[in-house]
């Protein structure tokens, strides 16, 4: 499984009626976000299976191509699968990924708190742990015109702070 169509088909099969669980209740207003109403653990398990299926033939660049195809999808869970798959390549993260993730934020592919926080916690934060010198670039994000880039400027720092690494935030 390595295409957006495969992922969407699988997610549609896992979807559940909104009566049992309705993710929509966490997202107010008209945001254009859609839901399959699949729980987080199911999404992570599914992403793990996508990774396991492809790990012998994919590198971080392949995972990013896969995720960039998924991040533009209107379904929260589709975006999440892409993020979770890329996160499994964290040992291969390099500084060149940070501008790409910033573009996801700036182009509103993550125009909600859940996707933005997932990008921060699973991607940006682990990158900063590997390359703490990149944390200073997030300071510039704090004045960006896009609210999701601004949110990432602080939420992206949380994994770095958790490691106990001192940050000069003055």
N, C-alpha and C. Protein backbone atom coordinates (compact mmCIF):
# COMPACT_ATOMS: atom_id res chain seq x y z
N UNK A 1 0.84 -1.18 0.00
CA UNK A 1 0.00 0.00 0.00
C UNK A 1 0.88 1.24 0.00
N UNK A 2 0.82 1.97 -1.08
CA UNK A 2 1.67 3.14 -1.15
C UNK A 2 1.05 4.27 -1.96
N UNK A 3 -0.25 4.23 -2.15
CA UNK A 3 -0.89 5.31 -2.89
C UNK A 3 -2.00 5.93 -2.06
N UNK A 4 -2.31 7.15 -2.41
CA UNK A 4 -3.40 7.86 -1.73
C UNK A 4 -4.71 7.10 -1.89
N UNK A 5 -4.95 6.55 -3.07
CA UNK A 5 -6.18 5.79 -3.31
C UNK A 5 -6.26 4.57 -2.40
N UNK A 6 -5.14 3.88 -2.22
CA UNK A 6 -5.11 2.71 -1.32
C UNK A 6 -5.44 3.13 0.11
N UNK A 7 -4.82 4.22 0.53
CA UNK A 7 -5.04 4.70 1.90
C UNK A 7 -6.50 5.09 2.10
N UNK A 8 -7.04 5.85 1.17
CA UNK A 8 -8.44 6.28 1.30
C UNK A 8 -9.39 5.09 1.33
N UNK A 9 -9.13 4.12 0.47
CA UNK A 9 -9.98 2.92 0.45
C UNK A 9 -9.96 2.22 1.81
N UNK A 10 -8.75 2.07 2.35
CA UNK A 10 -8.62 1.40 3.66
C UNK A 10 -9.30 2.20 4.76
N UNK A 11 -9.13 3.51 4.74
CA UNK A 11 -9.75 4.35 5.77
C UNK A 11 -11.27 4.32 5.66
N UNK A 12 -11.78 4.31 4.44
CA UNK A 12 -13.23 4.22 4.25
C UNK A 12 -13.78 2.92 4.85
N UNK A 13 -13.01 1.84 4.70
CA UNK A 13 -13.43 0.55 5.26
C UNK A 13 -13.41 0.57 6.78
N UNK A 14 -12.52 1.34 7.37
CA UNK A 14 -12.42 1.43 8.83
C UNK A 14 -13.36 2.46 9.43
N UNK A 15 -13.99 3.28 8.60
CA UNK A 15 -14.82 4.37 9.11
C UNK A 15 -15.99 3.83 9.92
N UNK A 16 -16.46 4.67 10.82
CA UNK A 16 -17.60 4.29 11.64
C UNK A 16 -18.61 5.43 11.64
N UNK A 17 -19.86 5.12 11.88
CA UNK A 17 -20.89 6.17 11.89
C UNK A 17 -20.60 7.22 12.94
N UNK A 18 -20.97 8.45 12.66
CA UNK A 18 -20.68 9.53 13.59
C UNK A 18 -21.49 9.44 14.88
N UNK A 19 -22.51 8.62 14.91
CA UNK A 19 -23.29 8.47 16.14
C UNK A 19 -22.48 7.87 17.28
N UNK A 20 -21.64 6.91 16.97
CA UNK A 20 -20.81 6.25 17.98
C UNK A 20 -19.71 7.18 18.48
N UNK A 21 -19.07 7.85 17.57
CA UNK A 21 -18.01 8.81 17.87
C UNK A 21 -18.02 9.84 16.77
N UNK A 22 -18.09 11.10 17.12
CA UNK A 22 -18.14 12.14 16.11
C UNK A 22 -17.00 13.13 16.32
N UNK A 23 -15.95 12.98 15.53
CA UNK A 23 -14.79 13.88 15.63
C UNK A 23 -15.18 15.32 15.35
N UNK A 24 -16.23 15.51 14.58
CA UNK A 24 -16.69 16.85 14.23
C UNK A 24 -16.92 17.73 15.46
N UNK A 25 -17.29 17.13 16.58
CA UNK A 25 -17.60 17.92 17.78
C UNK A 25 -16.39 18.68 18.32
N UNK A 26 -15.18 18.26 17.93
CA UNK A 26 -13.97 18.94 18.38
C UNK A 26 -13.54 20.08 17.47
N UNK A 27 -14.21 20.24 16.34
CA UNK A 27 -13.82 21.23 15.34
C UNK A 27 -15.02 22.10 15.01
N UNK A 28 -15.05 23.27 15.56
CA UNK A 28 -16.18 24.17 15.38
C UNK A 28 -16.00 25.02 14.12
N UNK A 29 -17.12 25.42 13.55
CA UNK A 29 -17.09 26.30 12.39
C UNK A 29 -16.96 25.54 11.08
N UNK A 30 -16.96 26.31 10.01
CA UNK A 30 -16.85 25.73 8.67
C UNK A 30 -15.38 25.74 8.26
N UNK A 31 -14.72 24.63 8.45
CA UNK A 31 -13.28 24.54 8.22
C UNK A 31 -12.95 23.64 7.03
N UNK A 32 -13.95 22.99 6.44
CA UNK A 32 -13.73 22.12 5.29
C UNK A 32 -13.10 20.78 5.62
N UNK A 33 -12.89 20.52 6.90
CA UNK A 33 -12.28 19.27 7.32
C UNK A 33 -13.34 18.17 7.37
N UNK A 34 -12.98 17.00 6.89
CA UNK A 34 -13.90 15.86 6.91
C UNK A 34 -13.32 14.76 7.79
N UNK A 35 -14.17 13.80 8.16
CA UNK A 35 -13.76 12.77 9.10
C UNK A 35 -14.29 11.41 8.70
N UNK A 36 -13.47 10.41 8.91
CA UNK A 36 -13.91 9.02 8.79
C UNK A 36 -14.35 8.50 10.15
N UNK A 37 -14.09 9.27 11.20
CA UNK A 37 -14.41 8.88 12.58
C UNK A 37 -13.71 7.58 12.98
N UNK A 38 -12.42 7.57 12.76
CA UNK A 38 -11.57 6.45 13.14
C UNK A 38 -10.73 6.94 14.32
N UNK A 39 -10.61 6.17 15.34
CA UNK A 39 -9.85 6.58 16.51
C UNK A 39 -8.35 6.67 16.26
N UNK A 40 -7.67 7.41 17.12
CA UNK A 40 -6.24 7.65 17.00
C UNK A 40 -5.44 6.35 16.98
N UNK A 41 -5.75 5.43 17.87
CA UNK A 41 -5.00 4.18 17.92
C UNK A 41 -5.14 3.39 16.63
N UNK A 42 -6.33 3.41 16.04
CA UNK A 42 -6.52 2.71 14.76
C UNK A 42 -5.71 3.37 13.65
N UNK A 43 -5.65 4.69 13.66
CA UNK A 43 -4.86 5.41 12.65
C UNK A 43 -3.39 5.08 12.82
N UNK A 44 -2.90 5.11 14.06
CA UNK A 44 -1.48 4.80 14.30
C UNK A 44 -1.15 3.37 13.91
N UNK A 45 -2.03 2.46 14.21
CA UNK A 45 -1.82 1.06 13.84
C UNK A 45 -1.79 0.91 12.32
N UNK A 46 -2.70 1.58 11.65
CA UNK A 46 -2.73 1.53 10.19
C UNK A 46 -1.46 2.14 9.60
N UNK A 47 -1.03 3.28 10.12
CA UNK A 47 0.21 3.92 9.64
C UNK A 47 1.41 3.01 9.86
N UNK A 48 1.42 2.33 11.00
CA UNK A 48 2.50 1.37 11.29
C UNK A 48 2.52 0.27 10.23
N UNK A 49 1.34 -0.21 9.83
CA UNK A 49 1.29 -1.26 8.82
C UNK A 49 1.75 -0.74 7.45
N UNK A 50 1.42 0.50 7.13
CA UNK A 50 1.91 1.10 5.88
C UNK A 50 3.43 1.17 5.92
N UNK A 51 3.96 1.61 7.04
CA UNK A 51 5.42 1.69 7.20
C UNK A 51 6.06 0.31 7.05
N UNK A 52 5.51 -0.67 7.77
CA UNK A 52 6.07 -2.02 7.73
C UNK A 52 6.05 -2.59 6.31
N UNK A 53 5.00 -2.31 5.58
CA UNK A 53 4.87 -2.80 4.21
C UNK A 53 5.94 -2.19 3.30
N UNK A 54 6.31 -0.95 3.55
CA UNK A 54 7.19 -0.22 2.64
C UNK A 54 8.60 0.04 3.14
N UNK A 55 8.89 -0.28 4.39
CA UNK A 55 10.16 0.15 4.98
C UNK A 55 11.39 -0.41 4.30
N UNK A 56 11.32 -1.58 3.72
CA UNK A 56 12.50 -2.15 3.07
C UNK A 56 12.81 -1.47 1.73
N UNK A 57 11.85 -0.76 1.18
CA UNK A 57 12.10 -0.12 -0.11
C UNK A 57 11.99 1.40 -0.08
N UNK A 58 11.52 1.96 1.04
CA UNK A 58 11.39 3.41 1.16
C UNK A 58 12.50 4.00 2.01
N UNK A 59 12.83 5.25 1.71
CA UNK A 59 13.67 6.06 2.57
C UNK A 59 12.82 7.27 2.99
N UNK A 60 13.38 8.18 3.73
CA UNK A 60 12.64 9.35 4.20
C UNK A 60 12.05 10.14 3.03
N UNK A 61 12.79 10.23 1.93
CA UNK A 61 12.28 10.98 0.77
C UNK A 61 11.01 10.35 0.19
N UNK A 62 10.99 9.03 0.15
CA UNK A 62 9.79 8.33 -0.34
C UNK A 62 8.61 8.55 0.61
N UNK A 63 8.89 8.49 1.89
CA UNK A 63 7.84 8.72 2.89
C UNK A 63 7.29 10.14 2.77
N UNK A 64 8.17 11.10 2.50
CA UNK A 64 7.72 12.49 2.34
C UNK A 64 6.86 12.65 1.09
N UNK A 65 7.23 12.00 0.01
CA UNK A 65 6.41 12.07 -1.21
C UNK A 65 5.02 11.50 -0.91
N UNK A 66 4.99 10.38 -0.23
CA UNK A 66 3.73 9.75 0.18
C UNK A 66 2.91 10.71 1.04
N UNK A 67 3.54 11.30 2.05
CA UNK A 67 2.85 12.20 2.98
C UNK A 67 2.38 13.48 2.29
N UNK A 68 3.17 13.99 1.37
CA UNK A 68 2.76 15.22 0.68
C UNK A 68 1.53 14.99 -0.19
N UNK A 69 1.35 13.78 -0.64
CA UNK A 69 0.14 13.44 -1.38
C UNK A 69 -1.06 13.36 -0.43
N UNK A 70 -0.83 12.91 0.79
CA UNK A 70 -1.92 12.74 1.75
C UNK A 70 -2.28 14.02 2.50
N UNK A 71 -1.32 14.88 2.77
CA UNK A 71 -1.56 16.07 3.61
C UNK A 71 -2.57 17.03 2.98
N UNK A 72 -2.72 17.00 1.68
CA UNK A 72 -3.65 17.90 1.00
C UNK A 72 -5.09 17.38 1.02
N UNK A 73 -5.27 16.15 1.46
CA UNK A 73 -6.59 15.53 1.49
C UNK A 73 -7.49 16.23 2.53
N UNK A 74 -8.78 16.35 2.28
CA UNK A 74 -9.66 17.02 3.25
C UNK A 74 -9.95 16.20 4.51
N UNK A 75 -9.63 14.91 4.51
CA UNK A 75 -9.93 14.06 5.67
C UNK A 75 -8.80 14.10 6.70
N UNK A 76 -9.17 14.36 7.93
CA UNK A 76 -8.21 14.43 9.03
C UNK A 76 -7.37 13.15 9.12
N UNK A 77 -8.02 12.02 9.01
CA UNK A 77 -7.33 10.74 9.17
C UNK A 77 -6.32 10.49 8.05
N UNK A 78 -6.62 10.93 6.84
CA UNK A 78 -5.69 10.76 5.73
C UNK A 78 -4.43 11.57 5.98
N UNK A 79 -4.60 12.81 6.43
CA UNK A 79 -3.45 13.65 6.78
C UNK A 79 -2.63 12.98 7.88
N UNK A 80 -3.33 12.43 8.86
CA UNK A 80 -2.67 11.79 9.99
C UNK A 80 -1.82 10.60 9.58
N UNK A 81 -2.30 9.81 8.66
CA UNK A 81 -1.53 8.65 8.20
C UNK A 81 -0.20 9.12 7.59
N UNK A 82 -0.24 10.14 6.77
CA UNK A 82 0.99 10.66 6.18
C UNK A 82 1.98 11.12 7.22
N UNK A 83 1.50 11.86 8.21
CA UNK A 83 2.35 12.37 9.28
C UNK A 83 2.94 11.21 10.08
N UNK A 84 2.10 10.25 10.43
CA UNK A 84 2.56 9.11 11.23
C UNK A 84 3.58 8.25 10.49
N UNK A 85 3.42 8.09 9.18
CA UNK A 85 4.38 7.31 8.41
C UNK A 85 5.73 8.04 8.38
N UNK A 86 5.73 9.32 8.11
CA UNK A 86 6.98 10.08 8.09
C UNK A 86 7.65 10.03 9.47
N UNK A 87 6.87 10.11 10.52
CA UNK A 87 7.43 10.09 11.88
C UNK A 87 8.23 8.82 12.13
N UNK A 88 7.92 7.74 11.49
CA UNK A 88 8.63 6.48 11.67
C UNK A 88 10.04 6.51 11.07
N UNK A 89 10.34 7.56 10.33
CA UNK A 89 11.68 7.74 9.74
C UNK A 89 12.48 8.80 10.50
N UNK A 90 12.12 9.06 11.74
CA UNK A 90 12.72 10.18 12.47
C UNK A 90 14.23 10.11 12.59
N UNK A 91 14.80 8.94 12.60
CA UNK A 91 16.27 8.84 12.67
C UNK A 91 16.93 9.39 11.41
N UNK A 92 16.17 9.48 10.33
CA UNK A 92 16.71 10.00 9.07
C UNK A 92 16.35 11.47 8.84
N UNK A 93 15.70 12.13 9.82
CA UNK A 93 15.33 13.53 9.66
C UNK A 93 16.58 14.39 9.46
N UNK A 94 16.46 15.35 8.55
CA UNK A 94 17.53 16.32 8.31
C UNK A 94 16.91 17.72 8.29
N UNK A 95 17.72 18.75 8.47
CA UNK A 95 17.19 20.12 8.48
C UNK A 95 16.42 20.52 7.23
N UNK A 96 16.69 19.89 6.09
CA UNK A 96 15.98 20.26 4.85
C UNK A 96 14.49 19.97 4.92
N UNK A 97 14.06 19.16 5.89
CA UNK A 97 12.64 18.85 6.02
C UNK A 97 11.84 19.99 6.65
N UNK A 98 12.47 20.79 7.48
CA UNK A 98 11.74 21.85 8.20
C UNK A 98 11.02 22.81 7.26
N UNK A 99 11.65 23.32 6.20
CA UNK A 99 10.90 24.21 5.29
C UNK A 99 9.72 23.52 4.60
N UNK A 100 9.85 22.25 4.35
CA UNK A 100 8.74 21.52 3.72
C UNK A 100 7.55 21.44 4.67
N UNK A 101 7.83 21.15 5.94
CA UNK A 101 6.75 21.07 6.92
C UNK A 101 6.15 22.45 7.16
N UNK A 102 6.97 23.47 7.12
CA UNK A 102 6.45 24.84 7.27
C UNK A 102 5.49 25.16 6.12
N UNK A 103 5.82 24.70 4.91
CA UNK A 103 4.91 24.91 3.77
C UNK A 103 3.57 24.24 4.00
N UNK A 104 3.58 23.04 4.58
CA UNK A 104 2.30 22.38 4.88
C UNK A 104 1.45 23.28 5.77
N UNK A 105 2.08 23.87 6.74
CA UNK A 105 1.37 24.76 7.67
C UNK A 105 0.91 26.03 6.97
N UNK A 106 1.82 26.68 6.26
CA UNK A 106 1.53 27.96 5.62
C UNK A 106 0.48 27.86 4.52
N UNK A 107 0.41 26.72 3.87
CA UNK A 107 -0.57 26.52 2.80
C UNK A 107 -1.91 25.98 3.33
N UNK A 108 -2.03 25.94 4.65
CA UNK A 108 -3.28 25.52 5.31
C UNK A 108 -3.64 24.07 5.05
N UNK A 109 -2.66 23.23 4.74
CA UNK A 109 -2.93 21.80 4.63
C UNK A 109 -3.18 21.22 6.02
N UNK A 110 -2.78 21.95 7.02
CA UNK A 110 -2.99 21.53 8.41
C UNK A 110 -3.84 22.56 9.14
N UNK A 111 -4.81 23.10 8.48
CA UNK A 111 -5.59 24.21 9.02
C UNK A 111 -6.54 23.78 10.14
N UNK A 112 -5.98 23.09 11.12
CA UNK A 112 -6.72 22.72 12.32
C UNK A 112 -5.70 22.41 13.40
N UNK A 113 -6.13 22.47 14.64
CA UNK A 113 -5.19 22.25 15.75
C UNK A 113 -4.66 20.83 15.79
N UNK A 114 -5.48 19.84 15.43
CA UNK A 114 -5.05 18.44 15.54
C UNK A 114 -3.93 18.11 14.56
N UNK A 115 -4.08 18.51 13.31
CA UNK A 115 -3.05 18.22 12.32
C UNK A 115 -1.79 19.04 12.62
N UNK A 116 -1.97 20.30 12.99
CA UNK A 116 -0.81 21.15 13.31
C UNK A 116 -0.04 20.57 14.49
N UNK A 117 -0.74 20.17 15.53
CA UNK A 117 -0.06 19.61 16.70
C UNK A 117 0.60 18.28 16.39
N UNK A 118 0.00 17.49 15.49
CA UNK A 118 0.62 16.23 15.09
C UNK A 118 1.92 16.49 14.32
N UNK A 119 1.91 17.47 13.44
CA UNK A 119 3.13 17.84 12.72
C UNK A 119 4.20 18.30 13.71
N UNK A 120 3.78 19.08 14.69
CA UNK A 120 4.73 19.57 15.69
C UNK A 120 5.29 18.45 16.56
N UNK A 121 4.42 17.62 17.08
CA UNK A 121 4.84 16.58 18.01
C UNK A 121 5.56 15.41 17.37
N UNK A 122 5.16 15.05 16.16
CA UNK A 122 5.73 13.87 15.52
C UNK A 122 6.86 14.19 14.55
N UNK A 123 6.89 15.43 14.04
CA UNK A 123 7.88 15.77 13.02
C UNK A 123 8.82 16.89 13.45
N UNK A 124 8.27 18.08 13.68
CA UNK A 124 9.11 19.24 13.98
C UNK A 124 9.87 19.04 15.29
N UNK A 125 9.17 18.64 16.34
CA UNK A 125 9.83 18.45 17.63
C UNK A 125 10.97 17.45 17.59
N UNK A 126 10.76 16.25 17.05
CA UNK A 126 11.87 15.30 16.95
C UNK A 126 13.04 15.81 16.09
N UNK A 127 12.73 16.58 15.04
CA UNK A 127 13.81 17.18 14.25
C UNK A 127 14.63 18.14 15.11
N UNK A 128 13.95 18.94 15.93
CA UNK A 128 14.66 19.89 16.80
C UNK A 128 15.49 19.18 17.86
N UNK A 129 15.03 18.02 18.31
CA UNK A 129 15.82 17.24 19.27
C UNK A 129 17.12 16.79 18.61
N UNK A 130 17.03 16.40 17.34
CA UNK A 130 18.24 15.99 16.61
C UNK A 130 19.13 17.18 16.25
N UNK A 131 18.50 18.32 15.95
CA UNK A 131 19.22 19.52 15.52
C UNK A 131 18.72 20.72 16.32
N UNK A 132 19.12 20.84 17.58
CA UNK A 132 18.61 21.91 18.44
C UNK A 132 18.88 23.32 17.90
N UNK A 133 19.90 23.46 17.08
CA UNK A 133 20.22 24.77 16.51
C UNK A 133 19.10 25.29 15.60
N UNK A 134 18.21 24.42 15.15
CA UNK A 134 17.09 24.83 14.31
C UNK A 134 15.98 25.54 15.11
N UNK A 135 16.02 25.40 16.42
CA UNK A 135 14.96 26.00 17.26
C UNK A 135 14.88 27.50 17.06
N UNK A 136 16.01 28.12 16.81
CA UNK A 136 16.00 29.56 16.62
C UNK A 136 15.18 29.99 15.41
N UNK A 137 15.11 29.13 14.38
CA UNK A 137 14.32 29.49 13.20
C UNK A 137 12.83 29.54 13.52
N UNK A 138 12.39 28.78 14.53
CA UNK A 138 10.98 28.83 14.90
C UNK A 138 10.58 30.17 15.51
N UNK A 139 11.55 30.87 16.05
CA UNK A 139 11.27 32.22 16.59
C UNK A 139 10.73 33.12 15.48
N UNK A 140 11.27 32.99 14.28
CA UNK A 140 10.80 33.79 13.14
C UNK A 140 9.38 33.40 12.74
N UNK A 141 9.03 32.16 12.97
CA UNK A 141 7.69 31.71 12.64
C UNK A 141 6.63 32.40 13.50
N UNK A 142 7.01 32.86 14.67
CA UNK A 142 6.03 33.43 15.61
C UNK A 142 5.35 34.69 15.10
N UNK A 143 5.90 35.31 14.07
CA UNK A 143 5.28 36.52 13.50
C UNK A 143 4.71 36.26 12.11
N UNK A 144 4.67 35.02 11.71
CA UNK A 144 4.14 34.66 10.38
C UNK A 144 2.66 35.03 10.28
N UNK A 145 2.20 35.35 9.10
CA UNK A 145 0.79 35.74 8.93
C UNK A 145 -0.18 34.58 9.11
N UNK A 146 0.31 33.36 8.99
CA UNK A 146 -0.55 32.18 9.12
C UNK A 146 -0.61 31.71 10.57
N UNK A 147 -1.81 31.55 11.09
CA UNK A 147 -2.00 31.16 12.49
C UNK A 147 -1.38 29.80 12.80
N UNK A 148 -1.38 28.88 11.84
CA UNK A 148 -0.87 27.53 12.09
C UNK A 148 0.65 27.51 12.14
N UNK A 149 1.29 28.37 11.36
CA UNK A 149 2.74 28.53 11.46
C UNK A 149 3.08 29.14 12.82
N UNK A 150 2.31 30.14 13.22
CA UNK A 150 2.55 30.77 14.54
C UNK A 150 2.35 29.74 15.66
N UNK A 151 1.31 28.94 15.58
CA UNK A 151 1.10 27.91 16.60
C UNK A 151 2.28 26.94 16.64
N UNK A 152 2.76 26.53 15.48
CA UNK A 152 3.90 25.61 15.41
C UNK A 152 5.17 26.22 15.98
N UNK A 153 5.27 27.55 15.98
CA UNK A 153 6.47 28.20 16.50
C UNK A 153 6.68 27.90 17.98
N UNK A 154 5.61 27.59 18.69
CA UNK A 154 5.73 27.27 20.11
C UNK A 154 5.49 25.78 20.36
N UNK A 155 4.47 25.20 19.75
CA UNK A 155 4.16 23.79 19.99
C UNK A 155 5.29 22.89 19.49
N UNK A 156 5.96 23.30 18.43
CA UNK A 156 7.08 22.53 17.90
C UNK A 156 8.25 22.43 18.85
N UNK A 157 8.32 23.33 19.81
CA UNK A 157 9.42 23.33 20.78
C UNK A 157 9.22 22.36 21.93
N UNK A 158 8.01 21.88 22.13
CA UNK A 158 7.70 21.07 23.31
C UNK A 158 8.60 19.83 23.42
N UNK A 159 8.78 19.03 22.37
CA UNK A 159 9.67 17.86 22.53
C UNK A 159 11.11 18.25 22.90
N UNK A 160 11.58 19.36 22.38
CA UNK A 160 12.93 19.82 22.72
C UNK A 160 13.02 20.21 24.19
N UNK A 161 12.01 20.91 24.66
CA UNK A 161 11.98 21.31 26.07
C UNK A 161 11.90 20.09 26.97
N UNK A 162 11.12 19.10 26.57
CA UNK A 162 10.99 17.86 27.36
C UNK A 162 12.31 17.13 27.55
N UNK A 163 13.23 17.31 26.60
CA UNK A 163 14.53 16.66 26.71
C UNK A 163 15.41 17.34 27.75
N UNK A 164 14.99 18.52 28.19
CA UNK A 164 15.79 19.26 29.17
C UNK A 164 16.81 20.18 28.55
N UNK A 165 16.78 20.27 27.22
CA UNK A 165 17.72 21.17 26.56
C UNK A 165 17.30 22.61 26.82
N UNK A 166 18.24 23.42 27.25
CA UNK A 166 17.94 24.82 27.55
C UNK A 166 17.74 25.58 26.25
N UNK A 167 16.75 26.45 26.25
CA UNK A 167 16.48 27.29 25.09
C UNK A 167 16.61 28.74 25.51
N UNK A 168 17.20 29.52 24.66
CA UNK A 168 17.26 30.97 24.88
C UNK A 168 16.06 31.55 24.17
N UNK A 169 15.00 31.80 24.92
CA UNK A 169 13.77 32.30 24.32
C UNK A 169 13.62 33.80 24.47
N UNK A 170 14.61 34.45 24.99
CA UNK A 170 14.53 35.91 25.18
C UNK A 170 14.68 36.63 23.88
